[in-house]
Amino acid sequence: MKAKKSKRIPCSFCSGELEDTIVQHPYRWKDKIYIFENVPAQVCRQCGEKYFDASTVEIMERTVLEKIKPQRTIRVPVFSFGQLVVQTK
């Protein structure tokens, strides 16, 4: 008996081919952004859209909800686009 080859589902945005890879993923929860590194994902080769399986999303959600201590914290600059438009005129 031959092993069944799993059929790849195309990207839901552009119908491109998905590739298994490891990514960095910014995760927004309420007014905060969390960055997860080394996350298994499928990424569209054409448009770059990321897809995660349910267990991966559950781990990210549980990490944020349970307030698990991160490996490190970084500072991120924040810009107001409206102020930038005024400054460049």
C-alpha atoms as a PDB file:
ATOM      1  CA  MET A   1       0.000   0.000   0.000  1.00  0.00           C
ATOM      2  CA  LYS A   2       1.333   3.469  -0.913  1.00  0.00           C
ATOM      3  CA  ALA A   3       1.594   6.212   1.670  1.00  0.00           C
ATOM      4  CA  LYS A   4      -0.869   8.998   0.994  1.00  0.00           C
ATOM      5  CA  LYS A   5       0.732  12.301   0.171  1.00  0.00           C
ATOM      6  CA  SER A   6      -0.947  15.071   2.123  1.00  0.00           C
ATOM      7  CA  LYS A   7      -2.601  17.580  -0.165  1.00  0.00           C
ATOM      8  CA  ARG A   8      -1.436  21.140   0.361  1.00  0.00           C
ATOM      9  CA  ILE A   9      -4.134  23.742   0.721  1.00  0.00           C
ATOM     10  CA  PRO A  10      -3.332  26.877  -1.315  1.00  0.00           C
ATOM     11  CA  CYS A  11      -3.125  30.358   0.191  1.00  0.00           C
ATOM     12  CA  SER A  12      -6.611  31.711   0.805  1.00  0.00           C
ATOM     13  CA  PHE A  13      -5.550  35.193  -0.377  1.00  0.00           C
ATOM     14  CA  CYS A  14      -3.645  34.553  -3.614  1.00  0.00           C
ATOM     15  CA  SER A  15      -3.813  30.754  -4.161  1.00  0.00           C
ATOM     16  CA  GLY A  16      -0.009  30.578  -3.860  1.00  0.00           C
ATOM     17  CA  GLU A  17       1.922  27.569  -2.565  1.00  0.00           C
ATOM     18  CA  LEU A  18       2.488  27.261   1.188  1.00  0.00           C
ATOM     19  CA  GLU A  19       5.876  26.302   2.600  1.00  0.00           C
ATOM     20  CA  ASP A  20       6.662  24.914   6.070  1.00  0.00           C
ATOM     21  CA  THR A  21       9.073  27.248   7.844  1.00  0.00           C
ATOM     22  CA  ILE A  22       9.982  28.910  11.145  1.00  0.00           C
ATOM     23  CA  VAL A  23       8.989  32.574  11.603  1.00  0.00           C
ATOM     24  CA  GLN A  24       9.001  35.493  13.999  1.00  0.00           C
ATOM     25  CA  HIS A  25       5.423  36.531  14.722  1.00  0.00           C
ATOM     26  CA  PRO A  26       4.102  39.733  16.318  1.00  0.00           C
ATOM     27  CA  TYR A  27       1.023  38.855  18.372  1.00  0.00           C
ATOM     28  CA  ARG A  28      -1.366  41.648  19.370  1.00  0.00           C
ATOM     29  CA  TRP A  29      -3.406  41.340  22.541  1.00  0.00           C
ATOM     30  CA  LYS A  30      -5.425  44.317  23.735  1.00  0.00           C
ATOM     31  CA  ASP A  31      -3.022  47.289  23.707  1.00  0.00           C
ATOM     32  CA  LYS A  32       0.202  45.256  23.686  1.00  0.00           C
ATOM     33  CA  ILE A  33       2.378  43.549  21.096  1.00  0.00           C
ATOM     34  CA  TYR A  34       4.201  40.327  21.924  1.00  0.00           C
ATOM     35  CA  ILE A  35       6.875  38.904  19.637  1.00  0.00           C
ATOM     36  CA  PHE A  36       7.173  35.141  19.350  1.00  0.00           C
ATOM     37  CA  GLU A  37      10.343  33.753  17.786  1.00  0.00           C
ATOM     38  CA  ASN A  38      10.978  30.347  16.205  1.00  0.00           C
ATOM     39  CA  VAL A  39       7.286  29.702  15.521  1.00  0.00           C
ATOM     40  CA  PRO A  40       6.377  26.852  13.140  1.00  0.00           C
ATOM     41  CA  ALA A  41       4.177  28.144  10.322  1.00  0.00           C
ATOM     42  CA  GLN A  42       3.190  27.714   6.732  1.00  0.00           C
ATOM     43  CA  VAL A  43       4.031  30.798   4.684  1.00  0.00           C
ATOM     44  CA  CYS A  44       2.778  31.599   1.198  1.00  0.00           C
ATOM     45  CA  ARG A  45       5.668  31.757  -1.272  1.00  0.00           C
ATOM     46  CA  GLN A  46       3.783  34.324  -3.346  1.00  0.00           C
ATOM     47  CA  CYS A  47       2.296  36.871  -0.913  1.00  0.00           C
ATOM     48  CA  GLY A  48       3.933  36.001   2.432  1.00  0.00           C
ATOM     49  CA  GLU A  49       0.715  35.338   4.375  1.00  0.00           C
ATOM     50  CA  LYS A  50       1.385  33.202   7.494  1.00  0.00           C
ATOM     51  CA  TYR A  51      -0.738  30.264   8.624  1.00  0.00           C
ATOM     52  CA  PHE A  52      -0.510  28.596  12.050  1.00  0.00           C
ATOM     53  CA  ASP A  53      -2.065  25.363  13.232  1.00  0.00           C
ATOM     54  CA  ALA A  54      -4.509  25.466  16.139  1.00  0.00           C
ATOM     55  CA  SER A  55      -2.046  24.121  18.720  1.00  0.00           C
ATOM     56  CA  THR A  56       0.515  26.835  17.854  1.00  0.00           C
ATOM     57  CA  VAL A  57      -2.092  29.588  18.241  1.00  0.00           C
ATOM     58  CA  GLU A  58      -3.247  28.041  21.522  1.00  0.00           C
ATOM     59  CA  ILE A  59       0.319  28.122  22.903  1.00  0.00           C
ATOM     60  CA  MET A  60       0.716  31.805  21.958  1.00  0.00           C
ATOM     61  CA  GLU A  61      -2.655  32.721  23.483  1.00  0.00           C
ATOM     62  CA  ARG A  62      -1.986  30.764  26.682  1.00  0.00           C
ATOM     63  CA  THR A  63       1.460  32.381  27.021  1.00  0.00           C
ATOM     64  CA  VAL A  64      -0.077  35.869  26.883  1.00  0.00           C
ATOM     65  CA  LEU A  65      -3.088  35.074  29.083  1.00  0.00           C
ATOM     66  CA  GLU A  66      -1.011  33.344  31.757  1.00  0.00           C
ATOM     67  CA  LYS A  67       1.544  36.175  31.673  1.00  0.00           C
ATOM     68  CA  ILE A  68       4.486  33.815  31.282  1.00  0.00           C
ATOM     69  CA  LYS A  69       7.775  35.692  31.705  1.00  0.00           C
ATOM     70  CA  PRO A  70       9.420  36.440  28.327  1.00  0.00           C
ATOM     71  CA  GLN A  71      13.035  35.574  27.535  1.00  0.00           C
ATOM     72  CA  ARG A  72      13.747  39.253  26.941  1.00  0.00           C
ATOM     73  CA  THR A  73      11.989  42.581  26.425  1.00  0.00           C
ATOM     74  CA  ILE A  74      12.721  45.120  23.677  1.00  0.00           C
ATOM     75  CA  ARG A  75      11.767  48.757  23.235  1.00  0.00           C
ATOM     76  CA  VAL A  76       9.860  49.687  20.089  1.00  0.00           C
ATOM     77  CA  PRO A  77       9.601  53.234  18.664  1.00  0.00           C
ATOM     78  CA  VAL A  78       6.034  54.402  17.978  1.00  0.00           C
ATOM     79  CA  PHE A  79       5.179  57.030  15.354  1.00  0.00           C
ATOM     80  CA  SER A  80       1.953  58.944  14.774  1.00  0.00           C
ATOM     81  CA  PHE A  81       1.431  59.100  11.022  1.00  0.00           C
ATOM     82  CA  GLY A  82      -0.559  62.354  11.236  1.00  0.00           C
ATOM     83  CA  GLN A  83       2.328  64.119  12.955  1.00  0.00           C
ATOM     84  CA  LEU A  84       4.773  62.789  10.364  1.00  0.00           C
ATOM     85  CA  VAL A  85       2.681  64.229   7.533  1.00  0.00           C
ATOM     86  CA  VAL A  86       2.675  67.654   9.198  1.00  0.00           C
ATOM     87  CA  GLN A  87       6.447  67.499   9.830  1.00  0.00           C
ATOM     88  CA  THR A  88       7.310  66.654   6.223  1.00  0.00           C
ATOM     89  CA  LYS A  89       5.383  69.583   4.691  1.00  0.00           C
END
